[in-house]
Amino acid sequence: MNNVLASIVQEDGVSGVVWNDAQGLLLGAHGDFEDARFGLGALNTLVARANALNTSDEKDVAPVVRIETTKRIVVVQQQKDSTVLAVSTSKPISSTE
């Protein structure tokens, strides 16, 4: 599994990845998330709330949660097997700043 997570982090622009099981237990983390071993189960709660807000007729399509900070963008989504995957990318430096 670590090889799979490492290969995701090697994708262009990806700086971290975390994968939780359906109960929020950490299955693996790499890159930005590697040292943050605690509190990542909250990502499962976040996607559960997003699913509750989903009013679409297509309930089989999981919503994507985007978290933007000053340094990075994190995209979180529940997978079909109920695991939760979060991918972090470094935020591009704006030329207007």
PDB file of N, CA and C in Angstrom:
ATOM      1  N   MET A   1       0.824  -1.192   0.000  1.00  0.00           N
ATOM      2  CA  MET A   1       0.000   0.000   0.000  1.00  0.00           C
ATOM      3  C   MET A   1       0.870   1.258   0.000  1.00  0.00           C
ATOM      4  N   ASN A   2       1.976   1.226   0.739  1.00  0.00           N
ATOM      5  CA  ASN A   2       2.851   2.393   0.769  1.00  0.00           C
ATOM      6  C   ASN A   2       3.379   2.730  -0.616  1.00  0.00           C
ATOM      7  N   ASN A   3       3.598   1.712  -1.446  1.00  0.00           N
ATOM      8  CA  ASN A   3       4.053   1.966  -2.811  1.00  0.00           C
ATOM      9  C   ASN A   3       2.985   2.689  -3.623  1.00  0.00           C
ATOM     10  N   VAL A   4       1.725   2.329  -3.403  1.00  0.00           N
ATOM     11  CA  VAL A   4       0.620   2.994  -4.111  1.00  0.00           C
ATOM     12  C   VAL A   4       0.532   4.456  -3.686  1.00  0.00           C
ATOM     13  N   LEU A   5       0.595   4.714  -2.376  1.00  0.00           N
ATOM     14  CA  LEU A   5       0.531   6.092  -1.880  1.00  0.00           C
ATOM     15  C   LEU A   5       1.731   6.897  -2.368  1.00  0.00           C
ATOM     16  N   ALA A   6       2.908   6.282  -2.368  1.00  0.00           N
ATOM     17  CA  ALA A   6       4.110   6.968  -2.854  1.00  0.00           C
ATOM     18  C   ALA A   6       3.981   7.303  -4.333  1.00  0.00           C
ATOM     19  N   SER A   7       3.367   6.416  -5.116  1.00  0.00           N
ATOM     20  CA  SER A   7       3.200   6.695  -6.546  1.00  0.00           C
ATOM     21  C   SER A   7       2.220   7.837  -6.777  1.00  0.00           C
ATOM     22  N   ILE A   8       1.209   7.968  -5.911  1.00  0.00           N
ATOM     23  CA  ILE A   8       0.270   9.093  -6.027  1.00  0.00           C
ATOM     24  C   ILE A   8       0.998  10.402  -5.755  1.00  0.00           C
ATOM     25  N   VAL A   9       1.856  10.409  -4.731  1.00  0.00           N
ATOM     26  CA  VAL A   9       2.594  11.629  -4.376  1.00  0.00           C
ATOM     27  C   VAL A   9       3.570  12.012  -5.485  1.00  0.00           C
ATOM     28  N   GLN A  10       4.002  11.052  -6.282  1.00  0.00           N
ATOM     29  CA  GLN A  10       4.918  11.358  -7.383  1.00  0.00           C
ATOM     30  C   GLN A  10       4.219  12.014  -8.566  1.00  0.00           C
ATOM     31  N   GLU A  11       2.886  12.009  -8.567  1.00  0.00           N
ATOM     32  CA  GLU A  11       2.143  12.680  -9.638  1.00  0.00           C
ATOM     33  C   GLU A  11       2.444  14.176  -9.604  1.00  0.00           C
ATOM     34  N   ASP A  12       2.373  14.810 -10.739  1.00  0.00           N
ATOM     35  CA  ASP A  12       2.695  16.229 -10.864  1.00  0.00           C
ATOM     36  C   ASP A  12       1.832  17.085  -9.944  1.00  0.00           C
ATOM     37  N   GLY A  13       2.461  17.819  -9.053  1.00  0.00           N
ATOM     38  CA  GLY A  13       1.765  18.756  -8.183  1.00  0.00           C
ATOM     39  C   GLY A  13       1.262  18.176  -6.877  1.00  0.00           C
ATOM     40  N   VAL A  14       1.223  16.865  -6.731  1.00  0.00           N
ATOM     41  CA  VAL A  14       0.715  16.244  -5.506  1.00  0.00           C
ATOM     42  C   VAL A  14       1.806  16.258  -4.440  1.00  0.00           C
ATOM     43  N   SER A  15       1.447  16.744  -3.248  1.00  0.00           N
ATOM     44  CA  SER A  15       2.436  16.819  -2.168  1.00  0.00           C
ATOM     45  C   SER A  15       2.100  15.915  -0.987  1.00  0.00           C
ATOM     46  N   GLY A  16       0.907  15.319  -0.980  1.00  0.00           N
ATOM     47  CA  GLY A  16       0.551  14.422   0.113  1.00  0.00           C
ATOM     48  C   GLY A  16      -0.724  13.663  -0.171  1.00  0.00           C
ATOM     49  N   VAL A  17      -0.852  12.514   0.496  1.00  0.00           N
ATOM     50  CA  VAL A  17      -2.047  11.693   0.346  1.00  0.00           C
ATOM     51  C   VAL A  17      -2.299  10.965   1.662  1.00  0.00           C
ATOM     52  N   VAL A  18      -3.573  10.832   2.017  1.00  0.00           N
ATOM     53  CA  VAL A  18      -3.966  10.066   3.198  1.00  0.00           C
ATOM     54  C   VAL A  18      -5.144   9.184   2.810  1.00  0.00           C
ATOM     55  N   TRP A  19      -5.168   7.986   3.388  1.00  0.00           N
ATOM     56  CA  TRP A  19      -6.225   7.031   3.084  1.00  0.00           C
ATOM     57  C   TRP A  19      -6.733   6.455   4.392  1.00  0.00           C
ATOM     58  N   ASN A  20      -8.031   6.643   4.668  1.00  0.00           N
ATOM     59  CA  ASN A  20      -8.686   6.137   5.879  1.00  0.00           C
ATOM     60  C   ASN A  20      -9.660   5.031   5.511  1.00  0.00           C
ATOM     61  N   ASP A  21      -9.883   4.106   6.467  1.00  0.00           N
ATOM     62  CA  ASP A  21     -10.924   3.112   6.232  1.00  0.00           C
ATOM     63  C   ASP A  21     -12.286   3.744   6.504  1.00  0.00           C
ATOM     64  N   ALA A  22     -13.350   2.976   6.373  1.00  0.00           N
ATOM     65  CA  ALA A  22     -14.713   3.508   6.512  1.00  0.00           C
ATOM     66  C   ALA A  22     -15.004   4.050   7.906  1.00  0.00           C
ATOM     67  N   GLN A  23     -14.266   3.600   8.925  1.00  0.00           N
ATOM     68  CA  GLN A  23     -14.470   4.064  10.298  1.00  0.00           C
ATOM     69  C   GLN A  23     -13.547   5.221  10.672  1.00  0.00           C
ATOM     70  N   GLY A  24     -12.719   5.670   9.744  1.00  0.00           N
ATOM     71  CA  GLY A  24     -11.822   6.782  10.019  1.00  0.00           C
ATOM     72  C   GLY A  24     -10.457   6.371  10.527  1.00  0.00           C
ATOM     73  N   LEU A  25     -10.174   5.075  10.533  1.00  0.00           N
ATOM     74  CA  LEU A  25      -8.856   4.614  10.961  1.00  0.00           C
ATOM     75  C   LEU A  25      -7.862   4.773   9.820  1.00  0.00           C
ATOM     76  N   LEU A  26      -6.696   5.265  10.144  1.00  0.00           N
ATOM     77  CA  LEU A  26      -5.674   5.550   9.142  1.00  0.00           C
ATOM     78  C   LEU A  26      -5.143   4.263   8.528  1.00  0.00           C
ATOM     79  N   LEU A  27      -5.251   4.153   7.211  1.00  0.00           N
ATOM     80  CA  LEU A  27      -4.676   3.021   6.489  1.00  0.00           C
ATOM     81  C   LEU A  27      -3.271   3.354   6.010  1.00  0.00           C
ATOM     82  N   GLY A  28      -3.048   4.610   5.638  1.00  0.00           N
ATOM     83  CA  GLY A  28      -1.737   5.019   5.168  1.00  0.00           C
ATOM     84  C   GLY A  28      -1.695   6.507   4.900  1.00  0.00           C
ATOM     85  N   ALA A  29      -0.488   7.051   5.002  1.00  0.00           N
ATOM     86  CA  ALA A  29      -0.278   8.476   4.726  1.00  0.00           C
ATOM     87  C   ALA A  29       1.103   8.640   4.117  1.00  0.00           C
ATOM     88  N   HIS A  30       1.221   9.616   3.237  1.00  0.00           N
ATOM     89  CA  HIS A  30       2.503   9.864   2.592  1.00  0.00           C
ATOM     90  C   HIS A  30       2.612  11.357   2.277  1.00  0.00           C
ATOM     91  N   GLY A  31       3.817  11.845   2.192  1.00  0.00           N
ATOM     92  CA  GLY A  31       4.040  13.249   1.860  1.00  0.00           C
ATOM     93  C   GLY A  31       3.639  14.175   2.987  1.00  0.00           C
ATOM     94  N   ASP A  32       2.877  15.222   2.677  1.00  0.00           N
ATOM     95  CA  ASP A  32       2.440  16.225   3.659  1.00  0.00           C
ATOM     96  C   ASP A  32       1.787  15.613   4.891  1.00  0.00           C
ATOM     97  N   PHE A  33       1.085  14.524   4.719  1.00  0.00           N
ATOM     98  CA  PHE A  33       0.315  13.922   5.805  1.00  0.00           C
ATOM     99  C   PHE A  33       1.102  12.902   6.621  1.00  0.00           C
ATOM    100  N   GLU A  34       2.314  12.592   6.209  1.00  0.00           N
ATOM    101  CA  GLU A  34       3.062  11.502   6.831  1.00  0.00           C
ATOM    102  C   GLU A  34       3.292  11.700   8.326  1.00  0.00           C
ATOM    103  N   ASP A  35       3.569  12.919   8.746  1.00  0.00           N
ATOM    104  CA  ASP A  35       3.820  13.187  10.162  1.00  0.00           C
ATOM    105  C   ASP A  35       2.546  13.502  10.942  1.00  0.00           C
ATOM    106  N   ALA A  36       1.462  13.788  10.254  1.00  0.00           N
ATOM    107  CA  ALA A  36       0.194  14.132  10.917  1.00  0.00           C
ATOM    108  C   ALA A  36      -0.630  12.870  11.103  1.00  0.00           C
ATOM    109  N   ARG A  37      -0.259  12.059  12.073  1.00  0.00           N
ATOM    110  CA  ARG A  37      -0.914  10.764  12.272  1.00  0.00           C
ATOM    111  C   ARG A  37      -2.194  10.862  13.094  1.00  0.00           C
ATOM    112  N   PHE A  38      -2.473  11.988  13.718  1.00  0.00           N
ATOM    113  CA  PHE A  38      -3.639  12.120  14.579  1.00  0.00           C
ATOM    114  C   PHE A  38      -4.617  13.126  13.988  1.00  0.00           C
ATOM    115  N   GLY A  39      -5.901  12.869  14.154  1.00  0.00           N
ATOM    116  CA  GLY A  39      -6.926  13.808  13.719  1.00  0.00           C
ATOM    117  C   GLY A  39      -7.386  13.630  12.292  1.00  0.00           C
ATOM    118  N   LEU A  40      -6.761  12.721  11.549  1.00  0.00           N
ATOM    119  CA  LEU A  40      -7.144  12.545  10.152  1.00  0.00           C
ATOM    120  C   LEU A  40      -8.475  11.813   9.995  1.00  0.00           C
ATOM    121  N   GLY A  41      -8.960  11.182  11.064  1.00  0.00           N
ATOM    122  CA  GLY A  41     -10.277  10.552  11.032  1.00  0.00           C
ATOM    123  C   GLY A  41     -11.391  11.568  10.850  1.00  0.00           C
ATOM    124  N   ALA A  42     -11.098  12.828  11.162  1.00  0.00           N
ATOM    125  CA  ALA A  42     -12.081  13.897  10.966  1.00  0.00           C
ATOM    126  C   ALA A  42     -12.444  14.051   9.491  1.00  0.00           C
ATOM    127  N   LEU A  43     -11.581  13.607   8.603  1.00  0.00           N
ATOM    128  CA  LEU A  43     -11.894  13.665   7.174  1.00  0.00           C
ATOM    129  C   LEU A  43     -13.128  12.823   6.860  1.00  0.00           C
ATOM    130  N   ASN A  44     -13.295  11.702   7.566  1.00  0.00           N
ATOM    131  CA  ASN A  44     -14.477  10.867   7.363  1.00  0.00           C
ATOM    132  C   ASN A  44     -15.747  11.593   7.787  1.00  0.00           C
ATOM    133  N   THR A  45     -15.673  12.314   8.898  1.00  0.00           N
ATOM    134  CA  THR A  45     -16.820  13.097   9.357  1.00  0.00           C
ATOM    135  C   THR A  45     -17.153  14.181   8.344  1.00  0.00           C
ATOM    136  N   LEU A  46     -16.129  14.796   7.794  1.00  0.00           N
ATOM    137  CA  LEU A  46     -16.313  15.849   6.799  1.00  0.00           C
ATOM    138  C   LEU A  46     -17.053  15.325   5.569  1.00  0.00           C
ATOM    139  N   VAL A  47     -16.636  14.182   5.044  1.00  0.00           N
ATOM    140  CA  VAL A  47     -17.321  13.656   3.858  1.00  0.00           C
ATOM    141  C   VAL A  47     -18.714  13.128   4.202  1.00  0.00           C
ATOM    142  N   ALA A  48     -18.912  12.655   5.428  1.00  0.00           N
ATOM    143  CA  ALA A  48     -20.255  12.227   5.843  1.00  0.00           C
ATOM    144  C   ALA A  48     -21.204  13.419   5.853  1.00  0.00           C
ATOM    145  N   ARG A  49     -20.729  14.560   6.334  1.00  0.00           N
ATOM    146  CA  ARG A  49     -21.555  15.783   6.330  1.00  0.00           C
ATOM    147  C   ARG A  49     -21.831  16.242   4.903  1.00  0.00           C
ATOM    148  N   ALA A  50     -20.829  16.150   4.042  1.00  0.00           N
ATOM    149  CA  ALA A  50     -21.021  16.529   2.639  1.00  0.00           C
ATOM    150  C   ALA A  50     -22.043  15.609   1.975  1.00  0.00           C
ATOM    151  N   ASN A  51     -21.990  14.322   2.286  1.00  0.00           N
ATOM    152  CA  ASN A  51     -22.979  13.379   1.746  1.00  0.00           C
ATOM    153  C   ASN A  51     -24.382  13.718   2.226  1.00  0.00           C
ATOM    154  N   ALA A  52     -24.503  14.156   3.476  1.00  0.00           N
ATOM    155  CA  ALA A  52     -25.810  14.527   4.025  1.00  0.00           C
ATOM    156  C   ALA A  52     -26.380  15.757   3.320  1.00  0.00           C
ATOM    157  N   LEU A  53     -25.518  16.634   2.847  1.00  0.00           N
ATOM    158  CA  LEU A  53     -25.958  17.841   2.142  1.00  0.00           C
ATOM    159  C   LEU A  53     -26.275  17.582   0.672  1.00  0.00           C
ATOM    160  N   ASN A  54     -25.912  16.426   0.172  1.00  0.00           N
ATOM    161  CA  ASN A  54     -26.095  16.092  -1.236  1.00  0.00           C
ATOM    162  C   ASN A  54     -27.582  15.940  -1.549  1.00  0.00           C
ATOM    163  N   THR A  55     -28.117  16.855  -2.337  1.00  0.00           N
ATOM    164  CA  THR A  55     -29.528  16.810  -2.728  1.00  0.00           C
ATOM    165  C   THR A  55     -29.701  16.294  -4.151  1.00  0.00           C
ATOM    166  N   SER A  56     -28.603  15.880  -4.754  1.00  0.00           N
ATOM    167  CA  SER A  56     -28.637  15.388  -6.126  1.00  0.00           C
ATOM    168  C   SER A  56     -29.411  14.077  -6.219  1.00  0.00           C
ATOM    169  N   ASP A  57     -30.015  13.848  -7.370  1.00  0.00           N
ATOM    170  CA  ASP A  57     -30.689  12.574  -7.619  1.00  0.00           C
ATOM    171  C   ASP A  57     -29.681  11.439  -7.777  1.00  0.00           C
ATOM    172  N   GLU A  58     -28.456  11.797  -8.099  1.00  0.00           N
ATOM    173  CA  GLU A  58     -27.402  10.799  -8.291  1.00  0.00           C
ATOM    174  C   GLU A  58     -26.652  10.591  -6.979  1.00  0.00           C
ATOM    175  N   LYS A  59     -27.223   9.810  -6.086  1.00  0.00           N
ATOM    176  CA  LYS A  59     -26.623   9.558  -4.771  1.00  0.00           C
ATOM    177  C   LYS A  59     -25.385   8.670  -4.859  1.00  0.00           C
ATOM    178  N   ASP A  60     -25.188   8.002  -6.007  1.00  0.00           N
ATOM    179  CA  ASP A  60     -24.024   7.133  -6.136  1.00  0.00           C
ATOM    180  C   ASP A  60     -22.747   7.912  -6.458  1.00  0.00           C
ATOM    181  N   VAL A  61     -22.876   9.211  -6.696  1.00  0.00           N
ATOM    182  CA  VAL A  61     -21.716  10.060  -6.947  1.00  0.00           C
ATOM    183  C   VAL A  61     -21.382  10.797  -5.657  1.00  0.00           C
ATOM    184  N   ALA A  62     -20.221  10.486  -5.094  1.00  0.00           N
ATOM    185  CA  ALA A  62     -19.820  11.098  -3.825  1.00  0.00           C
ATOM    186  C   ALA A  62     -19.356  12.532  -4.047  1.00  0.00           C
ATOM    187  N   PRO A  63     -19.776  13.448  -3.181  1.00  0.00           N
ATOM    188  CA  PRO A  63     -19.310  14.825  -3.312  1.00  0.00           C
ATOM    189  C   PRO A  63     -17.807  14.922  -3.042  1.00  0.00           C
ATOM    190  N   VAL A  64     -17.199  15.929  -3.607  1.00  0.00           N
ATOM    191  CA  VAL A  64     -15.784  16.210  -3.389  1.00  0.00           C
ATOM    192  C   VAL A  64     -15.697  17.432  -2.488  1.00  0.00           C
ATOM    193  N   VAL A  65     -14.930  17.312  -1.416  1.00  0.00           N
ATOM    194  CA  VAL A  65     -14.725  18.428  -0.494  1.00  0.00           C
ATOM    195  C   VAL A  65     -13.362  19.029  -0.792  1.00  0.00           C
ATOM    196  N   ARG A  66     -13.330  20.333  -0.974  1.00  0.00           N
ATOM    197  CA  ARG A  66     -12.071  21.034  -1.261  1.00  0.00           C
ATOM    198  C   ARG A  66     -11.774  21.967  -0.095  1.00  0.00           C
ATOM    199  N   ILE A  67     -10.604  21.792   0.496  1.00  0.00           N
ATOM    200  CA  ILE A  67     -10.153  22.640   1.599  1.00  0.00           C
ATOM    201  C   ILE A  67      -8.968  23.443   1.081  1.00  0.00           C
ATOM    202  N   GLU A  68      -9.076  24.760   1.171  1.00  0.00           N
ATOM    203  CA  GLU A  68      -8.015  25.622   0.666  1.00  0.00           C
ATOM    204  C   GLU A  68      -7.425  26.429   1.810  1.00  0.00           C
ATOM    205  N   THR A  69      -6.107  26.342   1.975  1.00  0.00           N
ATOM    206  CA  THR A  69      -5.389  27.134   2.969  1.00  0.00           C
ATOM    207  C   THR A  69      -4.437  28.063   2.231  1.00  0.00           C
ATOM    208  N   THR A  70      -3.655  28.807   2.977  1.00  0.00           N
ATOM    209  CA  THR A  70      -2.696  29.700   2.331  1.00  0.00           C
ATOM    210  C   THR A  70      -1.568  28.937   1.655  1.00  0.00           C
ATOM    211  N   LYS A  71      -1.314  27.700   2.088  1.00  0.00           N
ATOM    212  CA  LYS A  71      -0.190  26.937   1.544  1.00  0.00           C
ATOM    213  C   LYS A  71      -0.579  25.786   0.623  1.00  0.00           C
ATOM    214  N   ARG A  72      -1.780  25.241   0.786  1.00  0.00           N
ATOM    215  CA  ARG A  72      -2.116  24.054   0.000  1.00  0.00           C
ATOM    216  C   ARG A  72      -3.620  23.935  -0.237  1.00  0.00           C
ATOM    217  N   ILE A  73      -3.941  23.039  -1.136  1.00  0.00           N
ATOM    218  CA  ILE A  73      -5.324  22.680  -1.425  1.00  0.00           C
ATOM    219  C   ILE A  73      -5.453  21.181  -1.169  1.00  0.00           C
ATOM    220  N   VAL A  74      -6.467  20.798  -0.399  1.00  0.00           N
ATOM    221  CA  VAL A  74      -6.706  19.389  -0.093  1.00  0.00           C
ATOM    222  C   VAL A  74      -8.074  19.010  -0.654  1.00  0.00           C
ATOM    223  N   VAL A  75      -8.110  17.944  -1.416  1.00  0.00           N
ATOM    224  CA  VAL A  75      -9.349  17.431  -1.993  1.00  0.00           C
ATOM    225  C   VAL A  75      -9.648  16.099  -1.309  1.00  0.00           C
ATOM    226  N   VAL A  76     -10.875  15.967  -0.786  1.00  0.00           N
ATOM    227  CA  VAL A  76     -11.267  14.787  -0.015  1.00  0.00           C
ATOM    228  C   VAL A  76     -12.521  14.179  -0.641  1.00  0.00           C
ATOM    229  N   GLN A  77     -12.527  12.854  -0.788  1.00  0.00           N
ATOM    230  CA  GLN A  77     -13.708  12.182  -1.332  1.00  0.00           C
ATOM    231  C   GLN A  77     -13.815  10.769  -0.769  1.00  0.00           C
ATOM    232  N   GLN A  78     -15.058  10.368  -0.505  1.00  0.00           N
ATOM    233  CA  GLN A  78     -15.314   8.990  -0.092  1.00  0.00           C
ATOM    234  C   GLN A  78     -15.343   8.116  -1.340  1.00  0.00           C
ATOM    235  N   GLN A  79     -14.644   7.002  -1.286  1.00  0.00           N
ATOM    236  CA  GLN A  79     -14.565   6.086  -2.418  1.00  0.00           C
ATOM    237  C   GLN A  79     -15.747   5.111  -2.388  1.00  0.00           C
ATOM    238  N   LYS A  80     -15.931   4.356  -3.451  1.00  0.00           N
ATOM    239  CA  LYS A  80     -17.057   3.418  -3.548  1.00  0.00           C
ATOM    240  C   LYS A  80     -17.024   2.351  -2.461  1.00  0.00           C
ATOM    241  N   ASP A  81     -15.822   2.011  -1.958  1.00  0.00           N
ATOM    242  CA  ASP A  81     -15.715   1.005  -0.895  1.00  0.00           C
ATOM    243  C   ASP A  81     -15.808   1.632   0.495  1.00  0.00           C
ATOM    244  N   SER A  82     -16.231   2.887   0.570  1.00  0.00           N
ATOM    245  CA  SER A  82     -16.425   3.672   1.800  1.00  0.00           C
ATOM    246  C   SER A  82     -15.135   4.142   2.457  1.00  0.00           C
ATOM    247  N   THR A  83     -13.981   3.848   1.859  1.00  0.00           N
ATOM    248  CA  THR A  83     -12.753   4.441   2.373  1.00  0.00           C
ATOM    249  C   THR A  83     -12.729   5.906   1.963  1.00  0.00           C
ATOM    250  N   VAL A  84     -11.892   6.695   2.628  1.00  0.00           N
ATOM    251  CA  VAL A  84     -11.799   8.127   2.341  1.00  0.00           C
ATOM    252  C   VAL A  84     -10.380   8.435   1.889  1.00  0.00           C
ATOM    253  N   LEU A  85     -10.269   9.116   0.767  1.00  0.00           N
ATOM    254  CA  LEU A  85      -8.978   9.480   0.201  1.00  0.00           C
ATOM    255  C   LEU A  85      -8.867  10.996   0.166  1.00  0.00           C
ATOM    256  N   ALA A  86      -7.748  11.512   0.658  1.00  0.00           N
ATOM    257  CA  ALA A  86      -7.477  12.951   0.605  1.00  0.00           C
ATOM    258  C   ALA A  86      -6.152  13.158  -0.105  1.00  0.00           C
ATOM    259  N   VAL A  87      -6.121  14.110  -1.025  1.00  0.00           N
ATOM    260  CA  VAL A  87      -4.915  14.424  -1.782  1.00  0.00           C
ATOM    261  C   VAL A  87      -4.610  15.899  -1.597  1.00  0.00           C
ATOM    262  N   SER A  88      -3.349  16.196  -1.276  1.00  0.00           N
ATOM    263  CA  SER A  88      -2.902  17.563  -1.039  1.00  0.00           C
ATOM    264  C   SER A  88      -2.015  18.018  -2.187  1.00  0.00           C
ATOM    265  N   THR A  89      -2.217  19.254  -2.616  1.00  0.00           N
ATOM    266  CA  THR A  89      -1.336  19.860  -3.610  1.00  0.00           C
ATOM    267  C   THR A  89      -0.866  21.201  -3.073  1.00  0.00           C
ATOM    268  N   SER A  90       0.350  21.568  -3.429  1.00  0.00           N
ATOM    269  CA  SER A  90       0.854  22.878  -3.031  1.00  0.00           C
ATOM    270  C   SER A  90       0.081  23.942  -3.781  1.00  0.00           C
ATOM    271  N   LYS A  91      -0.225  25.018  -3.096  1.00  0.00           N
ATOM    272  CA  LYS A  91      -0.966  26.105  -3.720  1.00  0.00           C
ATOM    273  C   LYS A  91       0.006  26.937  -4.549  1.00  0.00           C
ATOM    274  N   PRO A  92      -0.346  27.206  -5.806  1.00  0.00           N
ATOM    275  CA  PRO A  92       0.542  28.024  -6.629  1.00  0.00           C
ATOM    276  C   PRO A  92       0.648  29.441  -6.075  1.00  0.00           C
ATOM    277  N   ILE A  93       1.828  29.992  -6.170  1.00  0.00           N
ATOM    278  CA  ILE A  93       2.047  31.365  -5.710  1.00  0.00           C
ATOM    279  C   ILE A  93       1.481  32.306  -6.758  1.00  0.00           C
ATOM    280  N   SER A  94       0.555  33.141  -6.332  1.00  0.00           N
ATOM    281  CA  SER A  94      -0.099  34.073  -7.240  1.00  0.00           C
ATOM    282  C   SER A  94       0.858  35.193  -7.620  1.00  0.00           C
ATOM    283  N   SER A  95       0.820  35.580  -8.872  1.00  0.00           N
ATOM    284  CA  SER A  95       1.690  36.662  -9.331  1.00  0.00           C
ATOM    285  C   SER A  95       1.191  38.022  -8.861  1.00  0.00           C
ATOM    286  N   THR A  96      -0.035  38.083  -8.328  1.00  0.00           N
ATOM    287  CA  THR A  96      -0.583  39.355  -7.867  1.00  0.00           C
ATOM    288  C   THR A  96      -0.272  39.614  -6.402  1.00  0.00           C
ATOM    289  N   GLU A  97       0.310  38.634  -5.705  1.00  0.00           N
ATOM    290  CA  GLU A  97       0.595  38.823  -4.283  1.00  0.00           C
ATOM    291  C   GLU A  97       1.909  39.532  -4.088  1.00  0.00           C
TER     292      GLU A  97
END
